[in-house]
Amino acid sequence: MQFPDLGGELLDPLCVTEEVLLSLAGWESDGAGDGLGAPLPPPLAHNHALDAVQRLLRALAGTQGRDSAQVRLLAPDGRYEHAPVTFIDVATDDIATIAATARMIGSPSANEDLCDAVRKSAARSTRCPR
């Protein structure tokens, strides 16, 4: 897959997502997720979504915000610069798992307790300053 180098803008939401999923994983392992229907529903159960996000973060981390000494990609008329693009191997299963997680949490029929826990955890996130 190809990913643009956006100077960290791709990593910020993934960092917050990782933090939220770490919180949910802790609740599941503590048994504190009983109100959420522990064990958590797929793809959250057994850290599947967390593992997928962490693999994507590791793959992307070295491609974002590289120094300005790299080759600049200018438009044909030279008026603007294209964002550098990096090709990395990402398991399609990981992308499918992350997409399923987003669909599940964003669904109108999603477990309200789970969605509330996700919102609270995201609001407390300290990983990304933006």
N, C-alpha and C. Protein backbone atom coordinates (compact mmCIF):
# COMPACT_ATOMS: atom_id res chain seq x y z
N MET A 1 0.84 -1.18 0.00
CA MET A 1 0.00 0.00 0.00
C MET A 1 0.88 1.24 0.00
N GLN A 2 0.35 2.31 -0.49
CA GLN A 2 1.11 3.56 -0.48
C GLN A 2 0.52 4.53 0.53
N PHE A 3 1.40 5.21 1.22
CA PHE A 3 1.00 6.17 2.24
C PHE A 3 1.78 7.46 2.04
N PRO A 4 1.10 8.60 2.09
CA PRO A 4 1.82 9.88 1.98
C PRO A 4 2.52 10.20 3.30
N ASP A 5 3.63 10.92 3.20
CA ASP A 5 4.31 11.41 4.40
C ASP A 5 3.66 12.74 4.76
N LEU A 6 2.83 12.73 5.78
CA LEU A 6 2.12 13.94 6.20
C LEU A 6 2.68 14.50 7.50
N GLY A 7 3.94 14.18 7.76
CA GLY A 7 4.61 14.75 8.92
C GLY A 7 4.00 14.35 10.26
N GLY A 8 3.43 13.19 10.34
CA GLY A 8 2.87 12.73 11.59
C GLY A 8 1.36 12.77 11.67
N GLU A 9 0.72 13.43 10.70
CA GLU A 9 -0.74 13.53 10.75
C GLU A 9 -1.43 12.18 10.60
N LEU A 10 -0.77 11.22 9.96
CA LEU A 10 -1.33 9.87 9.88
C LEU A 10 -1.15 9.13 11.21
N LEU A 11 -0.08 9.44 11.91
CA LEU A 11 0.22 8.72 13.15
C LEU A 11 -0.65 9.19 14.32
N ASP A 12 -1.01 10.46 14.35
CA ASP A 12 -1.76 11.00 15.49
C ASP A 12 -3.06 10.23 15.76
N PRO A 13 -3.94 10.06 14.78
CA PRO A 13 -5.17 9.33 15.08
C PRO A 13 -4.92 7.86 15.40
N LEU A 14 -3.87 7.29 14.81
CA LEU A 14 -3.55 5.90 15.14
C LEU A 14 -3.04 5.77 16.58
N CYS A 15 -2.30 6.78 17.05
CA CYS A 15 -1.84 6.77 18.44
C CYS A 15 -3.02 6.84 19.41
N VAL A 16 -3.96 7.69 19.12
CA VAL A 16 -5.15 7.79 19.97
C VAL A 16 -5.94 6.48 19.92
N THR A 17 -6.07 5.92 18.73
CA THR A 17 -6.77 4.64 18.59
C THR A 17 -6.08 3.55 19.39
N GLU A 18 -4.76 3.53 19.33
CA GLU A 18 -4.01 2.54 20.10
C GLU A 18 -4.27 2.71 21.60
N GLU A 19 -4.28 3.95 22.06
CA GLU A 19 -4.51 4.20 23.48
C GLU A 19 -5.90 3.76 23.90
N VAL A 20 -6.89 4.03 23.09
CA VAL A 20 -8.26 3.61 23.38
C VAL A 20 -8.34 2.08 23.43
N LEU A 21 -7.73 1.42 22.45
CA LEU A 21 -7.76 -0.04 22.41
C LEU A 21 -6.98 -0.66 23.56
N LEU A 22 -5.90 0.00 24.00
CA LEU A 22 -5.17 -0.47 25.19
C LEU A 22 -6.06 -0.41 26.43
N SER A 23 -6.84 0.66 26.54
CA SER A 23 -7.77 0.79 27.67
C SER A 23 -8.80 -0.33 27.64
N LEU A 24 -9.37 -0.57 26.48
CA LEU A 24 -10.37 -1.63 26.36
C LEU A 24 -9.76 -3.00 26.65
N ALA A 25 -8.53 -3.21 26.20
CA ALA A 25 -7.86 -4.49 26.46
C ALA A 25 -7.64 -4.67 27.96
N GLY A 26 -7.30 -3.58 28.64
CA GLY A 26 -7.13 -3.65 30.09
C GLY A 26 -8.43 -3.98 30.80
N TRP A 27 -9.51 -3.38 30.32
CA TRP A 27 -10.82 -3.65 30.93
C TRP A 27 -11.21 -5.10 30.71
N GLU A 28 -10.91 -5.60 29.51
CA GLU A 28 -11.26 -6.99 29.22
C GLU A 28 -10.47 -7.94 30.10
N SER A 29 -9.16 -7.69 30.25
CA SER A 29 -8.33 -8.60 31.05
C SER A 29 -8.63 -8.49 32.55
N ASP A 30 -9.08 -7.31 33.00
CA ASP A 30 -9.44 -7.13 34.42
C ASP A 30 -10.82 -7.66 34.74
N GLY A 31 -11.59 -7.94 33.72
CA GLY A 31 -12.98 -8.30 33.94
C GLY A 31 -13.85 -7.08 34.17
N ALA A 32 -13.24 -5.89 34.06
CA ALA A 32 -14.00 -4.65 34.26
C ALA A 32 -14.91 -4.37 33.08
N GLY A 33 -14.74 -5.13 32.02
CA GLY A 33 -15.59 -4.93 30.85
C GLY A 33 -16.91 -5.64 30.97
N ASP A 34 -17.25 -6.15 32.17
CA ASP A 34 -18.50 -6.89 32.33
C ASP A 34 -19.70 -6.11 31.84
N GLY A 35 -19.72 -4.80 32.09
CA GLY A 35 -20.84 -3.99 31.62
C GLY A 35 -20.82 -3.82 30.12
N LEU A 36 -19.67 -4.08 29.49
CA LEU A 36 -19.55 -3.96 28.04
C LEU A 36 -19.84 -5.27 27.35
N GLY A 37 -20.05 -6.32 28.12
CA GLY A 37 -20.29 -7.63 27.54
C GLY A 37 -19.00 -8.41 27.41
N ALA A 38 -18.17 -8.41 28.48
CA ALA A 38 -16.89 -9.12 28.44
C ALA A 38 -17.15 -10.59 28.20
N PRO A 39 -16.41 -11.25 27.37
CA PRO A 39 -15.32 -10.64 26.61
C PRO A 39 -15.85 -9.67 25.56
N LEU A 40 -14.98 -8.77 25.18
CA LEU A 40 -15.38 -7.75 24.21
C LEU A 40 -15.77 -8.41 22.89
N PRO A 41 -16.63 -7.74 22.12
CA PRO A 41 -17.06 -8.31 20.84
C PRO A 41 -15.93 -8.25 19.80
N PRO A 42 -15.97 -9.17 18.83
CA PRO A 42 -14.99 -9.09 17.75
C PRO A 42 -15.20 -7.79 16.99
N PRO A 43 -14.21 -7.16 16.49
CA PRO A 43 -12.79 -7.52 16.46
C PRO A 43 -12.00 -6.99 17.66
N LEU A 44 -12.69 -6.47 18.67
CA LEU A 44 -11.99 -5.96 19.85
C LEU A 44 -11.47 -7.08 20.75
N ALA A 45 -12.16 -8.20 20.75
CA ALA A 45 -11.83 -9.31 21.66
C ALA A 45 -10.41 -9.81 21.41
N HIS A 46 -9.78 -10.19 22.50
CA HIS A 46 -8.44 -10.82 22.47
C HIS A 46 -7.40 -9.96 21.75
N ASN A 47 -7.57 -8.65 21.81
CA ASN A 47 -6.59 -7.68 21.27
C ASN A 47 -6.41 -7.74 19.76
N HIS A 48 -7.36 -8.30 19.02
CA HIS A 48 -7.19 -8.38 17.56
C HIS A 48 -7.06 -6.99 16.94
N ALA A 49 -7.94 -6.09 17.29
CA ALA A 49 -7.88 -4.73 16.73
C ALA A 49 -6.63 -4.00 17.22
N LEU A 50 -6.31 -4.16 18.49
CA LEU A 50 -5.11 -3.53 19.04
C LEU A 50 -3.86 -4.01 18.31
N ASP A 51 -3.75 -5.30 18.11
CA ASP A 51 -2.57 -5.85 17.42
C ASP A 51 -2.48 -5.30 16.00
N ALA A 52 -3.60 -5.19 15.31
CA ALA A 52 -3.60 -4.67 13.93
C ALA A 52 -3.15 -3.21 13.90
N VAL A 53 -3.65 -2.40 14.83
CA VAL A 53 -3.27 -0.99 14.89
C VAL A 53 -1.78 -0.86 15.22
N GLN A 54 -1.28 -1.67 16.14
CA GLN A 54 0.13 -1.59 16.50
C GLN A 54 1.03 -2.00 15.34
N ARG A 55 0.63 -3.01 14.58
CA ARG A 55 1.43 -3.39 13.41
C ARG A 55 1.45 -2.26 12.38
N LEU A 56 0.31 -1.62 12.15
CA LEU A 56 0.25 -0.50 11.21
C LEU A 56 1.09 0.67 11.71
N LEU A 57 1.03 0.96 12.99
CA LEU A 57 1.86 2.03 13.55
C LEU A 57 3.34 1.75 13.36
N ARG A 58 3.76 0.52 13.63
CA ARG A 58 5.18 0.17 13.46
C ARG A 58 5.61 0.32 12.00
N ALA A 59 4.74 -0.09 11.08
CA ALA A 59 5.08 0.00 9.66
C ALA A 59 5.16 1.46 9.20
N LEU A 60 4.27 2.30 9.71
CA LEU A 60 4.23 3.70 9.28
C LEU A 60 5.25 4.60 9.98
N ALA A 61 5.64 4.24 11.18
CA ALA A 61 6.46 5.13 12.01
C ALA A 61 7.71 5.65 11.30
N GLY A 62 8.41 4.80 10.59
CA GLY A 62 9.63 5.22 9.92
C GLY A 62 9.42 5.98 8.63
N THR A 63 8.17 6.14 8.22
CA THR A 63 7.90 6.79 6.94
C THR A 63 7.34 8.20 7.09
N GLN A 64 7.07 8.61 8.31
CA GLN A 64 6.40 9.90 8.54
C GLN A 64 7.36 10.93 9.13
N GLY A 65 7.30 12.14 8.61
CA GLY A 65 8.07 13.25 9.17
C GLY A 65 9.56 13.13 8.96
N ARG A 66 9.95 12.56 7.85
CA ARG A 66 11.38 12.45 7.58
C ARG A 66 11.97 13.83 7.32
N ASP A 67 13.29 13.92 7.41
CA ASP A 67 13.93 15.23 7.28
C ASP A 67 13.75 15.81 5.88
N SER A 68 13.95 17.09 5.79
CA SER A 68 13.71 17.80 4.54
C SER A 68 14.81 17.58 3.51
N ALA A 69 15.83 16.78 3.84
CA ALA A 69 16.91 16.51 2.90
C ALA A 69 16.49 15.51 1.82
N GLN A 70 15.31 14.93 1.96
CA GLN A 70 14.88 13.97 0.96
C GLN A 70 14.51 14.67 -0.33
N VAL A 71 14.32 13.90 -1.36
CA VAL A 71 13.99 14.44 -2.68
C VAL A 71 12.64 15.13 -2.62
N ARG A 72 12.55 16.31 -3.20
CA ARG A 72 11.28 17.05 -3.26
C ARG A 72 10.56 16.67 -4.53
N LEU A 73 9.26 16.43 -4.43
CA LEU A 73 8.44 16.07 -5.58
C LEU A 73 7.59 17.28 -5.97
N LEU A 74 8.04 17.97 -7.00
CA LEU A 74 7.34 19.17 -7.43
C LEU A 74 6.35 18.86 -8.55
N ALA A 75 5.30 19.65 -8.61
CA ALA A 75 4.33 19.54 -9.69
C ALA A 75 5.02 19.89 -11.00
N PRO A 76 4.46 19.46 -12.12
CA PRO A 76 5.11 19.74 -13.41
C PRO A 76 5.43 21.22 -13.63
N ASP A 77 4.58 22.12 -13.14
CA ASP A 77 4.86 23.54 -13.32
C ASP A 77 5.72 24.11 -12.19
N GLY A 78 6.07 23.27 -11.22
CA GLY A 78 6.93 23.70 -10.13
C GLY A 78 6.28 24.63 -9.11
N ARG A 79 4.97 24.80 -9.16
CA ARG A 79 4.28 25.75 -8.29
C ARG A 79 3.97 25.19 -6.91
N TYR A 80 3.91 23.88 -6.78
CA TYR A 80 3.64 23.29 -5.47
C TYR A 80 4.36 21.96 -5.35
N GLU A 81 4.47 21.50 -4.14
CA GLU A 81 5.19 20.27 -3.85
C GLU A 81 4.19 19.17 -3.48
N HIS A 82 4.40 18.00 -4.04
CA HIS A 82 3.59 16.83 -3.68
C HIS A 82 4.12 16.24 -2.38
N ALA A 83 3.24 15.65 -1.61
CA ALA A 83 3.68 14.94 -0.41
C ALA A 83 4.44 13.70 -0.83
N PRO A 84 5.57 13.43 -0.19
CA PRO A 84 6.30 12.20 -0.51
C PRO A 84 5.42 10.99 -0.20
N VAL A 85 5.57 9.94 -0.99
CA VAL A 85 4.79 8.73 -0.82
C VAL A 85 5.73 7.57 -0.56
N THR A 86 5.33 6.71 0.38
CA THR A 86 6.11 5.53 0.71
C THR A 86 5.24 4.31 0.49
N PHE A 87 5.84 3.27 -0.05
CA PHE A 87 5.14 2.00 -0.21
C PHE A 87 5.59 1.07 0.91
N ILE A 88 4.63 0.53 1.64
CA ILE A 88 4.94 -0.41 2.71
C ILE A 88 4.01 -1.60 2.62
N ASP A 89 4.49 -2.72 3.14
CA ASP A 89 3.66 -3.91 3.19
C ASP A 89 2.77 -3.85 4.42
N VAL A 90 1.48 -3.94 4.20
CA VAL A 90 0.50 -3.96 5.28
C VAL A 90 -0.42 -5.14 5.01
N ALA A 91 -0.64 -5.95 6.00
CA ALA A 91 -1.53 -7.10 5.82
C ALA A 91 -2.95 -6.61 5.57
N THR A 92 -3.57 -7.14 4.54
CA THR A 92 -4.95 -6.75 4.25
C THR A 92 -5.88 -7.14 5.40
N ASP A 93 -5.53 -8.19 6.12
CA ASP A 93 -6.33 -8.58 7.30
C ASP A 93 -6.30 -7.47 8.35
N ASP A 94 -5.15 -6.82 8.51
CA ASP A 94 -5.05 -5.73 9.49
C ASP A 94 -5.94 -4.56 9.10
N ILE A 95 -5.92 -4.20 7.82
CA ILE A 95 -6.77 -3.10 7.35
C ILE A 95 -8.23 -3.48 7.52
N ALA A 96 -8.57 -4.72 7.21
CA ALA A 96 -9.96 -5.19 7.37
C ALA A 96 -10.38 -5.16 8.83
N THR A 97 -9.47 -5.54 9.73
CA THR A 97 -9.78 -5.54 11.17
C THR A 97 -10.00 -4.12 11.68
N ILE A 98 -9.14 -3.19 11.25
CA ILE A 98 -9.28 -1.79 11.68
C ILE A 98 -10.59 -1.21 11.12
N ALA A 99 -10.89 -1.52 9.87
CA ALA A 99 -12.13 -1.03 9.26
C ALA A 99 -13.35 -1.61 9.97
N ALA A 100 -13.30 -2.90 10.32
CA ALA A 100 -14.42 -3.53 11.03
C ALA A 100 -14.61 -2.91 12.41
N THR A 101 -13.51 -2.56 13.05
CA THR A 101 -13.58 -1.91 14.37
C THR A 101 -14.27 -0.56 14.24
N ALA A 102 -13.86 0.22 13.25
CA ALA A 102 -14.48 1.54 13.03
C ALA A 102 -15.96 1.40 12.71
N ARG A 103 -16.31 0.43 11.86
CA ARG A 103 -17.72 0.21 11.52
C ARG A 103 -18.53 -0.19 12.75
N MET A 104 -17.95 -1.07 13.58
CA MET A 104 -18.67 -1.56 14.76
C MET A 104 -18.92 -0.42 15.74
N ILE A 105 -17.91 0.38 16.01
CA ILE A 105 -18.05 1.46 16.99
C ILE A 105 -18.91 2.58 16.43
N GLY A 106 -18.86 2.80 15.12
CA GLY A 106 -19.63 3.88 14.51
C GLY A 106 -21.04 3.50 14.11
N SER A 107 -21.39 2.25 14.31
CA SER A 107 -22.71 1.78 13.91
C SER A 107 -23.80 2.35 14.82
N PRO A 108 -24.95 2.72 14.26
CA PRO A 108 -26.06 3.19 15.08
C PRO A 108 -26.54 2.12 16.08
N SER A 109 -26.29 0.85 15.76
CA SER A 109 -26.73 -0.22 16.65
C SER A 109 -25.62 -0.68 17.60
N ALA A 110 -24.52 0.08 17.67
CA ALA A 110 -23.39 -0.30 18.52
C ALA A 110 -23.80 -0.27 19.99
N ASN A 111 -23.15 -1.12 20.77
CA ASN A 111 -23.36 -1.17 22.21
C ASN A 111 -23.06 0.21 22.79
N GLU A 112 -24.05 0.84 23.40
CA GLU A 112 -23.88 2.22 23.90
C GLU A 112 -22.83 2.30 25.01
N ASP A 113 -22.75 1.28 25.87
CA ASP A 113 -21.73 1.27 26.93
C ASP A 113 -20.33 1.24 26.33
N LEU A 114 -20.16 0.43 25.29
CA LEU A 114 -18.88 0.34 24.62
C LEU A 114 -18.51 1.67 23.97
N CYS A 115 -19.46 2.26 23.27
CA CYS A 115 -19.20 3.55 22.61
C CYS A 115 -18.87 4.64 23.63
N ASP A 116 -19.57 4.63 24.75
CA ASP A 116 -19.30 5.59 25.81
C ASP A 116 -17.89 5.39 26.36
N ALA A 117 -17.50 4.14 26.56
CA ALA A 117 -16.14 3.85 27.05
C ALA A 117 -15.09 4.33 26.05
N VAL A 118 -15.34 4.14 24.77
CA VAL A 118 -14.41 4.58 23.74
C VAL A 118 -14.30 6.11 23.75
N ARG A 119 -15.44 6.80 23.82
CA ARG A 119 -15.41 8.28 23.85
C ARG A 119 -14.64 8.79 25.05
N LYS A 120 -14.90 8.22 26.23
CA LYS A 120 -14.20 8.67 27.45
C LYS A 120 -12.71 8.42 27.35
N SER A 121 -12.33 7.26 26.85
CA SER A 121 -10.92 6.94 26.72
C SER A 121 -10.24 7.86 25.72
N ALA A 122 -10.89 8.15 24.61
CA ALA A 122 -10.32 9.06 23.61
C ALA A 122 -10.18 10.47 24.17
N ALA A 123 -11.13 10.90 24.97
CA ALA A 123 -11.07 12.25 25.56
C ALA A 123 -9.90 12.37 26.54
N ARG A 124 -9.53 11.27 27.18
CA ARG A 124 -8.42 11.28 28.13
C ARG A 124 -7.07 11.05 27.46
N SER A 125 -7.06 10.80 26.18
CA SER A 125 -5.84 10.45 25.47
C SER A 125 -4.76 11.51 25.66
N THR A 126 -3.57 11.05 25.95
CA THR A 126 -2.42 11.93 26.14
C THR A 126 -1.34 11.68 25.11
N ARG A 127 -1.55 10.73 24.23
CA ARG A 127 -0.51 10.33 23.30
C ARG A 127 -0.23 11.35 22.21
N CYS A 128 -1.26 12.01 21.74
CA CYS A 128 -1.10 12.93 20.62
C CYS A 128 -1.59 14.32 21.04
N PRO A 129 -0.72 15.30 20.97
CA PRO A 129 -1.06 16.62 21.48
C PRO A 129 -2.10 17.38 20.67
N ARG A 130 -2.34 17.03 19.43
CA ARG A 130 -3.26 17.81 18.60
C ARG A 130 -4.68 17.59 18.96
